[in-house]
Protein backbone atom coordinates (compact mmCIF):
# COMPACT_ATOMS: atom_id res chain seq x y z
CA MET A 1 86.74 118.55 127.98
CA GLN A 2 85.63 116.23 125.22
CA SER A 3 87.96 114.24 123.03
CA SER A 4 87.39 112.76 119.59
CA ASP A 5 90.54 110.65 119.77
CA PRO A 6 89.47 107.00 119.29
CA GLY A 7 92.06 105.94 121.87
CA HIS A 8 90.12 107.79 124.56
CA LEU A 9 86.72 106.35 123.69
CA PHE A 10 85.23 102.94 124.40
CA GLN A 11 85.08 100.69 121.35
CA SER A 12 83.63 97.22 121.06
CA THR A 13 85.66 94.31 119.78
CA GLN A 14 83.59 94.39 116.58
CA GLN A 15 84.46 98.05 115.99
CA LEU A 16 88.16 97.36 116.56
CA LEU A 17 88.07 94.45 114.09
CA GLU A 18 86.24 96.61 111.52
CA ASP A 19 88.84 99.40 111.90
CA ALA A 20 91.66 96.90 111.42
CA ARG A 21 89.96 95.46 108.31
CA ARG A 22 89.52 98.94 106.81
CA SER A 23 93.13 99.83 107.55
CA ASN A 24 94.39 96.65 105.86
CA LYS A 25 92.14 97.25 102.85
CA ARG A 26 93.39 100.85 102.51
CA LYS A 27 97.03 99.72 102.70
CA ALA A 28 96.43 97.04 100.05
CA ALA A 29 94.72 99.56 97.74
CA GLU A 30 97.77 101.85 97.92
CA ARG A 31 99.84 99.21 96.13
CA VAL A 32 97.43 98.71 93.22
CA GLY A 33 98.45 100.30 89.94
CA ASP A 34 100.85 103.21 89.79
CA PRO A 35 99.37 105.86 92.09
CA LEU A 36 100.55 109.45 91.97
CA THR A 37 101.40 110.98 95.33
CA VAL A 38 100.63 114.69 95.45
CA GLY A 39 100.33 117.38 98.07
CA LYS A 40 97.30 119.58 98.58
CA VAL A 41 96.08 120.36 95.05
CA ILE A 42 94.98 123.97 94.69
CA ASN A 43 94.04 123.85 91.01
CA PHE A 44 94.51 121.61 87.99
CA VAL A 45 94.02 121.77 84.23
CA ILE A 46 93.85 118.88 81.77
CA HIS A 47 95.08 119.64 78.28
CA GLY A 48 94.96 116.64 75.95
CA SER A 49 96.75 113.82 77.76
CA THR A 50 98.66 116.11 80.14
CA LEU A 51 97.59 117.19 83.60
CA TYR A 52 99.01 120.41 85.05
CA SER A 53 98.54 120.86 88.79
CA ALA A 54 99.25 123.69 91.19
CA GLU A 55 99.94 122.36 94.67
CA SER A 56 100.57 123.87 98.06
CA GLY A 57 104.19 124.61 98.82
CA TRP A 58 104.67 126.54 95.57
CA LEU A 59 104.85 123.36 93.49
CA ALA A 60 103.66 123.01 89.90
CA ARG A 61 103.55 119.58 88.31
CA GLN A 62 103.08 118.28 84.76
CA VAL A 63 101.90 114.67 84.48
CA ASP A 64 101.23 112.50 81.42
CA ILE A 65 97.90 110.78 82.15
CA THR A 66 97.76 108.32 79.27
CA VAL A 67 97.01 104.74 80.28
CA SER A 68 98.88 101.86 78.74
CA ASN A 69 97.88 98.21 79.06
């Protein structure tokens, strides 16, 4: 039986350091700006400055996408 779980595979120290660096970079990028957290988007339509999205879980969302400085 083969496993793709990184915990079951041999990794060099360099690979572990690279994974840690990527994880830290991803966490830092999550705090930049004002990100919108959504579920699995099935479809979306942009009309003017408004985004309408249909998401899994029977959720519809209307978002103003104008950018202010």
